[in-house]
Amino acid sequence: MLVYMVRHGQTDWNAESRLQGQKDIPLNETGRRQATGNGLALAEILGREANNFDFVASPLGRTRETMERLRHAMGLDPLSYRTDDRLKEVSFGDWEGYTLPELKRQVPQRIAERRVAKWDFIPPGQDAESYEILSWRVGAWLKGVMRPTVCVTHGGVIRVLFKLLGEMSADEAAASAIPQDRLLKIADGSIGWV
């Protein structure tokens, strides 16, 4: 298996450290530059082999725009890719749009619970998920990858992959920083930044 994972470019909510989850927040100018830069890096790595890759993205707007800018930078048709709902970001439920300091002032006990068990913590809200729940849909997607793939997704999805592939414990994965201007390569079960 060969997969290149790309986190979507920065949004204003990323810059403000807001829990974004599945809210459809657009890229900002920094994010657009990051998307183009990742496309140029992939073009150099893949060269003509890019045509042999499947290109798939989360259906949220920030990942689609990242994919389209990435493909344009690679000299490929920006719209020739598919989406997969299993690649959506973890849902933070009612907490989406808030920063952790804001939530700490409102619900300090819940933030303390999250700090102790971030992997398994489920925020309030009907559709909220833990990283463990997210890992079920991401794991199902990963098992279905049958050809070399370029995937544009979210930080939570990439955190889950570090755990699923045995590179990090659940606690380490849930707390890991995921850059928006680098490529993550998964090859033969190993995972690392390139």
N, C-alpha and C. Protein backbone atom coordinates (compact mmCIF):
# COMPACT_ATOMS: atom_id res chain seq x y z
N MET A 1 0.83 -1.18 0.00
CA MET A 1 0.00 0.00 0.00
C MET A 1 0.88 1.25 0.00
N LEU A 2 0.52 2.22 -0.81
CA LEU A 2 1.21 3.50 -0.85
C LEU A 2 0.17 4.61 -0.83
N VAL A 3 0.20 5.42 0.22
CA VAL A 3 -0.76 6.52 0.38
C VAL A 3 -0.01 7.76 0.82
N TYR A 4 -0.29 8.87 0.16
CA TYR A 4 0.19 10.18 0.61
C TYR A 4 -1.00 10.91 1.22
N MET A 5 -0.89 11.25 2.50
CA MET A 5 -1.94 11.96 3.22
C MET A 5 -1.57 13.44 3.29
N VAL A 6 -2.56 14.29 3.07
CA VAL A 6 -2.37 15.73 3.13
C VAL A 6 -3.46 16.32 4.01
N ARG A 7 -3.08 17.07 5.02
CA ARG A 7 -4.08 17.79 5.79
C ARG A 7 -4.48 19.03 5.00
N HIS A 8 -5.76 19.39 5.06
CA HIS A 8 -6.21 20.59 4.37
C HIS A 8 -5.41 21.81 4.84
N GLY A 9 -5.37 22.84 4.01
CA GLY A 9 -4.69 24.07 4.36
C GLY A 9 -5.39 24.80 5.50
N GLN A 10 -4.71 25.78 6.03
CA GLN A 10 -5.20 26.52 7.20
C GLN A 10 -6.51 27.27 6.90
N THR A 11 -7.37 27.33 7.90
CA THR A 11 -8.56 28.16 7.88
C THR A 11 -8.41 29.22 8.97
N ASP A 12 -9.29 30.21 8.98
CA ASP A 12 -9.25 31.20 10.05
C ASP A 12 -9.49 30.54 11.41
N TRP A 13 -10.35 29.52 11.45
CA TRP A 13 -10.60 28.83 12.72
C TRP A 13 -9.36 28.08 13.18
N ASN A 14 -8.59 27.49 12.26
CA ASN A 14 -7.32 26.87 12.65
C ASN A 14 -6.41 27.92 13.28
N ALA A 15 -6.31 29.08 12.63
CA ALA A 15 -5.43 30.14 13.11
C ALA A 15 -5.85 30.62 14.50
N GLU A 16 -7.15 30.55 14.80
CA GLU A 16 -7.68 30.99 16.10
C GLU A 16 -7.76 29.84 17.11
N SER A 17 -7.32 28.65 16.73
CA SER A 17 -7.38 27.44 17.57
C SER A 17 -8.82 27.11 17.99
N ARG A 18 -9.75 27.26 17.06
CA ARG A 18 -11.15 26.89 17.31
C ARG A 18 -11.37 25.44 16.93
N LEU A 19 -12.19 24.75 17.68
CA LEU A 19 -12.56 23.38 17.35
C LEU A 19 -13.44 23.44 16.10
N GLN A 20 -12.93 22.93 15.02
CA GLN A 20 -13.58 23.08 13.73
C GLN A 20 -14.49 21.91 13.41
N GLY A 21 -13.98 20.70 13.65
CA GLY A 21 -14.78 19.51 13.40
C GLY A 21 -15.36 19.47 12.01
N GLN A 22 -16.66 19.27 11.93
CA GLN A 22 -17.31 19.12 10.64
C GLN A 22 -17.97 20.40 10.14
N LYS A 23 -17.72 21.53 10.82
CA LYS A 23 -18.19 22.81 10.28
C LYS A 23 -17.42 23.09 8.99
N ASP A 24 -18.11 23.65 8.02
CA ASP A 24 -17.51 23.84 6.70
C ASP A 24 -16.87 25.22 6.59
N ILE A 25 -15.68 25.36 7.13
CA ILE A 25 -14.97 26.63 7.17
C ILE A 25 -13.97 26.67 6.00
N PRO A 26 -13.96 27.76 5.21
CA PRO A 26 -13.09 27.81 4.03
C PRO A 26 -11.62 28.06 4.38
N LEU A 27 -10.76 27.76 3.43
CA LEU A 27 -9.34 28.06 3.57
C LEU A 27 -9.13 29.56 3.63
N ASN A 28 -8.09 29.99 4.34
CA ASN A 28 -7.65 31.38 4.27
C ASN A 28 -6.48 31.46 3.29
N GLU A 29 -5.89 32.63 3.16
CA GLU A 29 -4.80 32.79 2.18
C GLU A 29 -3.60 31.90 2.51
N THR A 30 -3.28 31.78 3.79
CA THR A 30 -2.18 30.88 4.18
C THR A 30 -2.51 29.46 3.75
N GLY A 31 -3.74 29.03 3.98
CA GLY A 31 -4.16 27.68 3.61
C GLY A 31 -4.09 27.44 2.11
N ARG A 32 -4.42 28.46 1.34
CA ARG A 32 -4.34 28.32 -0.13
C ARG A 32 -2.89 28.14 -0.56
N ARG A 33 -1.99 28.91 0.05
CA ARG A 33 -0.56 28.76 -0.27
C ARG A 33 -0.05 27.37 0.14
N GLN A 34 -0.49 26.89 1.30
CA GLN A 34 -0.07 25.56 1.76
C GLN A 34 -0.55 24.49 0.79
N ALA A 35 -1.78 24.59 0.32
CA ALA A 35 -2.32 23.61 -0.61
C ALA A 35 -1.51 23.58 -1.90
N THR A 36 -1.21 24.76 -2.43
CA THR A 36 -0.41 24.83 -3.66
C THR A 36 0.98 24.27 -3.41
N GLY A 37 1.58 24.61 -2.28
CA GLY A 37 2.92 24.10 -1.96
C GLY A 37 2.95 22.59 -1.84
N ASN A 38 1.92 22.01 -1.23
CA ASN A 38 1.86 20.55 -1.13
C ASN A 38 1.69 19.93 -2.51
N GLY A 39 0.95 20.59 -3.39
CA GLY A 39 0.81 20.09 -4.76
C GLY A 39 2.13 20.10 -5.51
N LEU A 40 2.89 21.17 -5.35
CA LEU A 40 4.20 21.24 -6.01
C LEU A 40 5.13 20.16 -5.48
N ALA A 41 5.10 19.93 -4.17
CA ALA A 41 5.94 18.88 -3.57
C ALA A 41 5.53 17.50 -4.10
N LEU A 42 4.23 17.25 -4.20
CA LEU A 42 3.76 15.96 -4.71
C LEU A 42 4.14 15.78 -6.18
N ALA A 43 4.05 16.85 -6.94
CA ALA A 43 4.42 16.77 -8.36
C ALA A 43 5.87 16.34 -8.51
N GLU A 44 6.73 16.86 -7.64
CA GLU A 44 8.15 16.49 -7.68
C GLU A 44 8.36 15.04 -7.26
N ILE A 45 7.62 14.60 -6.25
CA ILE A 45 7.77 13.23 -5.75
C ILE A 45 7.21 12.21 -6.74
N LEU A 46 6.02 12.48 -7.25
CA LEU A 46 5.31 11.48 -8.07
C LEU A 46 5.65 11.55 -9.55
N GLY A 47 5.97 12.74 -10.05
CA GLY A 47 6.25 12.89 -11.47
C GLY A 47 5.13 12.33 -12.33
N ARG A 48 5.48 11.58 -13.35
CA ARG A 48 4.49 11.01 -14.27
C ARG A 48 3.66 9.91 -13.63
N GLU A 49 4.14 9.37 -12.52
CA GLU A 49 3.40 8.31 -11.83
C GLU A 49 2.09 8.82 -11.22
N ALA A 50 1.92 10.14 -11.14
CA ALA A 50 0.71 10.71 -10.53
C ALA A 50 -0.55 10.18 -11.20
N ASN A 51 -0.49 9.90 -12.49
CA ASN A 51 -1.67 9.41 -13.21
C ASN A 51 -2.09 8.02 -12.75
N ASN A 52 -1.21 7.31 -12.05
CA ASN A 52 -1.55 5.97 -11.55
C ASN A 52 -2.18 6.00 -10.17
N PHE A 53 -2.31 7.18 -9.58
CA PHE A 53 -2.83 7.33 -8.23
C PHE A 53 -4.32 7.62 -8.24
N ASP A 54 -4.99 7.10 -7.22
CA ASP A 54 -6.37 7.49 -6.92
C ASP A 54 -6.28 8.76 -6.07
N PHE A 55 -7.12 9.73 -6.34
CA PHE A 55 -7.16 10.96 -5.57
C PHE A 55 -8.51 11.03 -4.87
N VAL A 56 -8.48 11.14 -3.54
CA VAL A 56 -9.71 11.13 -2.75
C VAL A 56 -9.61 12.18 -1.65
N ALA A 57 -10.75 12.81 -1.35
CA ALA A 57 -10.78 13.84 -0.32
C ALA A 57 -12.01 13.69 0.55
N SER A 58 -11.92 14.23 1.75
CA SER A 58 -13.11 14.44 2.57
C SER A 58 -14.04 15.36 1.79
N PRO A 59 -15.36 15.23 1.96
CA PRO A 59 -16.28 16.07 1.20
C PRO A 59 -16.42 17.50 1.71
N LEU A 60 -15.76 17.86 2.82
CA LEU A 60 -15.89 19.23 3.32
C LEU A 60 -15.17 20.21 2.40
N GLY A 61 -15.65 21.45 2.38
CA GLY A 61 -15.14 22.45 1.44
C GLY A 61 -13.66 22.71 1.55
N ARG A 62 -13.11 22.74 2.78
CA ARG A 62 -11.69 23.05 2.94
C ARG A 62 -10.80 21.95 2.38
N THR A 63 -11.27 20.71 2.44
CA THR A 63 -10.47 19.61 1.87
C THR A 63 -10.63 19.58 0.35
N ARG A 64 -11.82 19.87 -0.14
CA ARG A 64 -12.01 19.90 -1.60
C ARG A 64 -11.19 21.02 -2.23
N GLU A 65 -11.20 22.21 -1.61
CA GLU A 65 -10.39 23.30 -2.17
C GLU A 65 -8.91 22.96 -2.11
N THR A 66 -8.47 22.34 -1.02
CA THR A 66 -7.07 21.92 -0.93
C THR A 66 -6.74 20.95 -2.05
N MET A 67 -7.59 19.94 -2.26
CA MET A 67 -7.36 18.97 -3.33
C MET A 67 -7.30 19.64 -4.70
N GLU A 68 -8.22 20.55 -4.95
CA GLU A 68 -8.26 21.20 -6.27
C GLU A 68 -7.04 22.07 -6.50
N ARG A 69 -6.59 22.77 -5.49
CA ARG A 69 -5.37 23.57 -5.63
C ARG A 69 -4.14 22.67 -5.77
N LEU A 70 -4.11 21.58 -5.01
CA LEU A 70 -3.02 20.61 -5.08
C LEU A 70 -2.93 20.02 -6.50
N ARG A 71 -4.06 19.57 -7.03
CA ARG A 71 -4.06 18.96 -8.37
C ARG A 71 -3.70 19.98 -9.44
N HIS A 72 -4.16 21.21 -9.29
CA HIS A 72 -3.80 22.26 -10.25
C HIS A 72 -2.28 22.47 -10.26
N ALA A 73 -1.69 22.54 -9.06
CA ALA A 73 -0.24 22.72 -8.94
C ALA A 73 0.52 21.55 -9.56
N MET A 74 -0.11 20.37 -9.57
CA MET A 74 0.52 19.19 -10.15
C MET A 74 0.33 19.12 -11.66
N GLY A 75 -0.42 20.05 -12.23
CA GLY A 75 -0.69 20.03 -13.66
C GLY A 75 -1.79 19.05 -14.03
N LEU A 76 -2.64 18.69 -13.07
CA LEU A 76 -3.73 17.74 -13.30
C LEU A 76 -5.07 18.47 -13.29
N ASP A 77 -6.09 17.85 -13.87
CA ASP A 77 -7.43 18.41 -13.85
C ASP A 77 -7.85 18.59 -12.39
N PRO A 78 -8.10 19.83 -11.96
CA PRO A 78 -8.42 20.07 -10.54
C PRO A 78 -9.66 19.32 -10.05
N LEU A 79 -10.59 19.01 -10.93
CA LEU A 79 -11.85 18.42 -10.49
C LEU A 79 -11.90 16.90 -10.64
N SER A 80 -10.83 16.29 -11.08
CA SER A 80 -10.83 14.85 -11.32
C SER A 80 -10.36 14.08 -10.08
N TYR A 81 -11.23 14.01 -9.10
CA TYR A 81 -10.99 13.27 -7.86
C TYR A 81 -12.34 12.89 -7.30
N ARG A 82 -12.32 12.05 -6.27
CA ARG A 82 -13.57 11.64 -5.64
C ARG A 82 -13.55 12.02 -4.16
N THR A 83 -14.72 11.96 -3.52
CA THR A 83 -14.80 12.22 -2.09
C THR A 83 -15.29 10.98 -1.37
N ASP A 84 -15.01 10.92 -0.07
CA ASP A 84 -15.44 9.79 0.76
C ASP A 84 -15.82 10.33 2.13
N ASP A 85 -17.08 10.12 2.53
CA ASP A 85 -17.58 10.63 3.81
C ASP A 85 -16.80 10.10 5.01
N ARG A 86 -16.17 8.93 4.88
CA ARG A 86 -15.42 8.35 6.01
C ARG A 86 -14.20 9.18 6.37
N LEU A 87 -13.80 10.10 5.48
CA LEU A 87 -12.61 10.93 5.70
C LEU A 87 -12.93 12.28 6.34
N LYS A 88 -14.20 12.50 6.72
CA LYS A 88 -14.55 13.74 7.41
C LYS A 88 -13.84 13.83 8.75
N GLU A 89 -13.67 15.05 9.20
CA GLU A 89 -13.04 15.29 10.51
C GLU A 89 -13.92 14.74 11.63
N VAL A 90 -13.30 14.47 12.77
CA VAL A 90 -14.02 14.08 13.96
C VAL A 90 -15.04 15.17 14.29
N SER A 91 -16.22 14.79 14.71
CA SER A 91 -17.24 15.76 15.09
C SER A 91 -17.06 16.15 16.56
N PHE A 92 -16.93 17.45 16.80
CA PHE A 92 -16.85 17.95 18.17
C PHE A 92 -18.22 18.34 18.70
N GLY A 93 -19.29 18.00 17.98
CA GLY A 93 -20.64 18.24 18.45
C GLY A 93 -20.90 19.69 18.79
N ASP A 94 -21.46 19.92 19.98
CA ASP A 94 -21.82 21.27 20.42
C ASP A 94 -20.61 22.17 20.66
N TRP A 95 -19.43 21.61 20.70
CA TRP A 95 -18.23 22.39 20.98
C TRP A 95 -17.63 23.03 19.73
N GLU A 96 -18.11 22.69 18.55
CA GLU A 96 -17.53 23.26 17.33
C GLU A 96 -17.72 24.77 17.31
N GLY A 97 -16.65 25.46 17.00
CA GLY A 97 -16.66 26.92 16.97
C GLY A 97 -16.07 27.56 18.21
N TYR A 98 -15.83 26.77 19.25
CA TYR A 98 -15.26 27.29 20.49
C TYR A 98 -13.76 26.99 20.56
N THR A 99 -13.05 27.80 21.33
CA THR A 99 -11.67 27.48 21.67
C THR A 99 -11.67 26.72 22.99
N LEU A 100 -10.61 26.00 23.28
CA LEU A 100 -10.53 25.30 24.56
C LEU A 100 -10.54 26.26 25.75
N PRO A 101 -9.84 27.42 25.68
CA PRO A 101 -9.96 28.35 26.81
C PRO A 101 -11.40 28.83 27.04
N GLU A 102 -12.14 29.06 25.97
CA GLU A 102 -13.55 29.45 26.14
C GLU A 102 -14.34 28.34 26.83
N LEU A 103 -14.12 27.12 26.40
CA LEU A 103 -14.83 25.98 27.00
C LEU A 103 -14.38 25.75 28.45
N LYS A 104 -13.11 25.98 28.72
CA LYS A 104 -12.62 25.79 30.10
C LYS A 104 -13.32 26.74 31.07
N ARG A 105 -13.63 27.94 30.59
CA ARG A 105 -14.36 28.89 31.44
C ARG A 105 -15.82 28.44 31.63
N GLN A 106 -16.41 27.82 30.60
CA GLN A 106 -17.82 27.43 30.65
C GLN A 106 -18.04 26.07 31.32
N VAL A 107 -17.19 25.10 30.98
CA VAL A 107 -17.38 23.73 31.48
C VAL A 107 -16.03 23.14 31.90
N PRO A 108 -15.42 23.67 32.96
CA PRO A 108 -14.06 23.25 33.34
C PRO A 108 -13.96 21.75 33.64
N GLN A 109 -14.99 21.16 34.24
CA GLN A 109 -14.94 19.73 34.57
C GLN A 109 -14.86 18.88 33.30
N ARG A 110 -15.61 19.25 32.27
CA ARG A 110 -15.60 18.48 31.02
C ARG A 110 -14.24 18.60 30.32
N ILE A 111 -13.64 19.77 30.37
CA ILE A 111 -12.31 19.95 29.77
C ILE A 111 -11.28 19.12 30.54
N ALA A 112 -11.41 19.05 31.85
CA ALA A 112 -10.51 18.21 32.65
C ALA A 112 -10.68 16.74 32.28
N GLU A 113 -11.92 16.30 32.08
CA GLU A 113 -12.18 14.91 31.66
C GLU A 113 -11.53 14.64 30.30
N ARG A 114 -11.64 15.58 29.39
CA ARG A 114 -11.04 15.41 28.05
C ARG A 114 -9.53 15.32 28.13
N ARG A 115 -8.93 16.13 29.00
CA ARG A 115 -7.48 16.13 29.14
C ARG A 115 -6.97 14.77 29.63
N VAL A 116 -7.73 14.11 30.50
CA VAL A 116 -7.33 12.82 31.07
C VAL A 116 -7.47 11.68 30.06
N ALA A 117 -8.48 11.74 29.22
CA ALA A 117 -8.76 10.62 28.29
C ALA A 117 -9.20 11.15 26.93
N LYS A 118 -8.32 11.87 26.26
CA LYS A 118 -8.68 12.55 25.01
C LYS A 118 -9.12 11.58 23.91
N TRP A 119 -8.49 10.41 23.81
CA TRP A 119 -8.82 9.46 22.75
C TRP A 119 -10.28 8.99 22.84
N ASP A 120 -10.75 8.74 24.04
CA ASP A 120 -12.10 8.19 24.24
C ASP A 120 -13.15 9.24 24.58
N PHE A 121 -12.76 10.47 24.74
CA PHE A 121 -13.69 11.51 25.17
C PHE A 121 -14.68 11.88 24.06
N ILE A 122 -15.96 11.94 24.41
CA ILE A 122 -17.00 12.35 23.47
C ILE A 122 -17.58 13.67 23.97
N PRO A 123 -17.44 14.75 23.19
CA PRO A 123 -18.04 16.03 23.60
C PRO A 123 -19.57 15.94 23.58
N PRO A 124 -20.25 16.92 24.16
CA PRO A 124 -21.71 16.91 24.13
C PRO A 124 -22.22 17.18 22.72
N GLY A 125 -23.39 16.67 22.43
CA GLY A 125 -24.01 16.91 21.12
C GLY A 125 -24.38 15.61 20.45
N GLN A 126 -25.44 15.65 19.69
CA GLN A 126 -26.02 14.44 19.09
C GLN A 126 -25.04 13.67 18.20
N ASP A 127 -24.27 14.36 17.37
CA ASP A 127 -23.39 13.68 16.42
C ASP A 127 -21.92 13.66 16.85
N ALA A 128 -21.64 14.05 18.08
CA ALA A 128 -20.26 14.14 18.55
C ALA A 128 -19.58 12.77 18.55
N GLU A 129 -18.26 12.78 18.34
CA GLU A 129 -17.48 11.55 18.25
C GLU A 129 -16.25 11.65 19.13
N SER A 130 -15.74 10.51 19.51
CA SER A 130 -14.40 10.41 20.10
C SER A 130 -13.43 10.04 18.98
N TYR A 131 -12.14 10.12 19.28
CA TYR A 131 -11.16 9.63 18.30
C TYR A 131 -11.33 8.13 18.08
N GLU A 132 -11.73 7.41 19.11
CA GLU A 132 -11.98 5.97 18.95
C GLU A 132 -13.09 5.72 17.93
N ILE A 133 -14.17 6.45 18.03
CA ILE A 133 -15.27 6.30 17.07
C ILE A 133 -14.79 6.68 15.66
N LEU A 134 -14.04 7.77 15.56
CA LEU A 134 -13.49 8.18 14.27
C LEU A 134 -12.62 7.06 13.68
N SER A 135 -11.89 6.37 14.54
CA SER A 135 -10.98 5.32 14.05
C SER A 135 -11.74 4.19 13.36
N TRP A 136 -13.01 3.96 13.71
CA TRP A 136 -13.78 2.89 13.07
C TRP A 136 -14.00 3.21 11.59
N ARG A 137 -14.40 4.46 11.30
CA ARG A 137 -14.65 4.78 9.88
C ARG A 137 -13.36 4.97 9.10
N VAL A 138 -12.32 5.52 9.75
CA VAL A 138 -11.04 5.68 9.06
C VAL A 138 -10.41 4.31 8.80
N GLY A 139 -10.51 3.40 9.77
CA GLY A 139 -9.99 2.05 9.57
C GLY A 139 -10.69 1.33 8.43
N ALA A 140 -12.00 1.50 8.32
CA ALA A 140 -12.75 0.89 7.21
C ALA A 140 -12.28 1.47 5.88
N TRP A 141 -12.04 2.78 5.83
CA TRP A 141 -11.54 3.39 4.59
C TRP A 141 -10.16 2.82 4.25
N LEU A 142 -9.27 2.76 5.24
CA LEU A 142 -7.91 2.30 5.00
C LEU A 142 -7.89 0.87 4.47
N LYS A 143 -8.73 0.00 5.02
CA LYS A 143 -8.79 -1.39 4.55
C LYS A 143 -9.24 -1.47 3.10
N GLY A 144 -9.98 -0.48 2.62
CA GLY A 144 -10.47 -0.49 1.25
C GLY A 144 -9.53 0.11 0.22
N VAL A 145 -8.39 0.64 0.67
CA VAL A 145 -7.44 1.24 -0.27
C VAL A 145 -6.77 0.13 -1.07
N MET A 146 -6.99 0.15 -2.39
CA MET A 146 -6.49 -0.93 -3.24
C MET A 146 -5.41 -0.49 -4.23
N ARG A 147 -5.19 0.80 -4.35
CA ARG A 147 -4.17 1.28 -5.29
C ARG A 147 -3.46 2.48 -4.70
N PRO A 148 -2.34 2.90 -5.27
CA PRO A 148 -1.67 4.09 -4.74
C PRO A 148 -2.65 5.26 -4.68
N THR A 149 -2.59 6.02 -3.59
CA THR A 149 -3.60 7.02 -3.32
C THR A 149 -2.99 8.31 -2.78
N VAL A 150 -3.57 9.43 -3.20
CA VAL A 150 -3.33 10.72 -2.57
C VAL A 150 -4.64 11.11 -1.89
N CYS A 151 -4.57 11.38 -0.59
CA CYS A 151 -5.76 11.66 0.20
C CYS A 151 -5.63 13.01 0.90
N VAL A 152 -6.63 13.87 0.71
CA VAL A 152 -6.68 15.14 1.43
C VAL A 152 -7.76 15.02 2.50
N THR A 153 -7.37 15.22 3.74
CA THR A 153 -8.28 14.99 4.85
C THR A 153 -8.01 15.98 5.97
N HIS A 154 -8.19 15.57 7.21
CA HIS A 154 -8.17 16.44 8.38
C HIS A 154 -7.17 15.95 9.41
N GLY A 155 -6.84 16.83 10.35
CA GLY A 155 -5.89 16.48 11.40
C GLY A 155 -6.32 15.30 12.23
N GLY A 156 -7.60 15.22 12.59
CA GLY A 156 -8.09 14.10 13.39
C GLY A 156 -7.94 12.77 12.69
N VAL A 157 -8.22 12.76 11.40
CA VAL A 157 -8.08 11.52 10.61
C VAL A 157 -6.63 11.06 10.61
N ILE A 158 -5.71 12.00 10.45
CA ILE A 158 -4.29 11.64 10.43
C ILE A 158 -3.83 11.18 11.81
N ARG A 159 -4.33 11.81 12.87
CA ARG A 159 -3.99 11.34 14.23
C ARG A 159 -4.41 9.88 14.41
N VAL A 160 -5.61 9.57 13.95
CA VAL A 160 -6.13 8.21 14.05
C VAL A 160 -5.24 7.23 13.29
N LEU A 161 -4.75 7.63 12.12
CA LEU A 161 -3.88 6.73 11.34
C LEU A 161 -2.60 6.39 12.10
N PHE A 162 -2.03 7.35 12.82
CA PHE A 162 -0.84 7.05 13.61
C PHE A 162 -1.13 5.95 14.63
N LYS A 163 -2.30 5.97 15.23
CA LYS A 163 -2.69 4.93 16.19
C LYS A 163 -2.98 3.62 15.48
N LEU A 164 -3.76 3.66 14.39
CA LEU A 164 -4.15 2.43 13.69
C LEU A 164 -2.94 1.68 13.14
N LEU A 165 -1.93 2.41 12.72
CA LEU A 165 -0.74 1.77 12.14
C LEU A 165 0.32 1.46 13.19
N GLY A 166 -0.03 1.66 14.46
CA GLY A 166 0.86 1.25 15.54
C GLY A 166 2.06 2.13 15.79
N GLU A 167 2.05 3.34 15.24
CA GLU A 167 3.18 4.24 15.42
C GLU A 167 3.12 5.01 16.73
N MET A 168 1.91 5.16 17.28
CA MET A 168 1.74 5.93 18.52
C MET A 168 0.68 5.26 19.37
N SER A 169 0.76 5.50 20.66
CA SER A 169 -0.32 5.09 21.55
C SER A 169 -1.53 5.99 21.30
N ALA A 170 -2.68 5.59 21.82
CA ALA A 170 -3.88 6.40 21.66
C ALA A 170 -3.67 7.81 22.22
N ASP A 171 -3.07 7.92 23.40
CA ASP A 171 -2.86 9.23 24.01
C ASP A 171 -1.90 10.09 23.19
N GLU A 172 -0.82 9.48 22.70
CA GLU A 172 0.13 10.23 21.87
C GLU A 172 -0.52 10.70 20.58
N ALA A 173 -1.26 9.81 19.93
CA ALA A 173 -1.91 10.15 18.66
C ALA A 173 -2.91 11.28 18.84
N ALA A 174 -3.74 11.20 19.87
CA ALA A 174 -4.77 12.21 20.10
C ALA A 174 -4.18 13.59 20.37
N ALA A 175 -2.98 13.64 20.91
CA ALA A 175 -2.36 14.92 21.26
C ALA A 175 -1.36 15.41 20.22
N SER A 176 -1.12 14.66 19.16
CA SER A 176 -0.06 15.02 18.22
C SER A 176 -0.46 16.21 17.34
N ALA A 177 0.52 17.05 17.07
CA ALA A 177 0.33 18.19 16.17
C ALA A 177 0.45 17.70 14.73
N ILE A 178 -0.48 18.09 13.89
CA ILE A 178 -0.48 17.66 12.49
C ILE A 178 -0.30 18.90 11.60
N PRO A 179 0.85 19.02 10.93
CA PRO A 179 1.11 20.20 10.11
C PRO A 179 0.23 20.25 8.86
N GLN A 180 0.04 21.45 8.37
CA GLN A 180 -0.78 21.63 7.16
C GLN A 180 0.07 21.91 5.93
N ASP A 181 1.38 21.87 6.08
CA ASP A 181 2.27 22.18 4.97
C ASP A 181 3.27 21.06 4.71
N ARG A 182 2.89 19.82 5.08
CA ARG A 182 3.76 18.66 4.88
C ARG A 182 2.95 17.49 4.36
N LEU A 183 3.65 16.52 3.80
CA LEU A 183 3.03 15.31 3.29
C LEU A 183 3.35 14.15 4.22
N LEU A 184 2.39 13.29 4.41
CA LEU A 184 2.59 12.09 5.22
C LEU A 184 2.52 10.89 4.29
N LYS A 185 3.55 10.06 4.34
CA LYS A 185 3.62 8.90 3.46
C LYS A 185 3.37 7.63 4.27
N ILE A 186 2.41 6.82 3.78
CA ILE A 186 2.16 5.51 4.35
C ILE A 186 2.58 4.49 3.30
N ALA A 187 3.52 3.65 3.64
CA ALA A 187 4.02 2.65 2.69
C ALA A 187 4.30 1.36 3.44
N ASP A 188 3.68 0.28 3.01
CA ASP A 188 3.88 -1.04 3.61
C ASP A 188 3.68 -1.03 5.13
N GLY A 189 2.68 -0.30 5.60
CA GLY A 189 2.36 -0.30 7.01
C GLY A 189 3.15 0.66 7.87
N SER A 190 4.15 1.33 7.31
CA SER A 190 4.89 2.35 8.07
C SER A 190 4.37 3.73 7.68
N ILE A 191 4.62 4.69 8.53
CA ILE A 191 4.07 6.02 8.33
C ILE A 191 5.11 7.05 8.72
N GLY A 192 5.28 8.11 7.93
CA GLY A 192 6.25 9.14 8.26
C GLY A 192 6.11 10.37 7.38
N TRP A 193 6.56 11.50 7.89
CA TRP A 193 6.50 12.76 7.15
C TRP A 193 7.59 12.80 6.10
N VAL A 194 7.25 13.35 4.95
CA VAL A 194 8.24 13.53 3.87
C VAL A 194 8.28 14.99 3.45
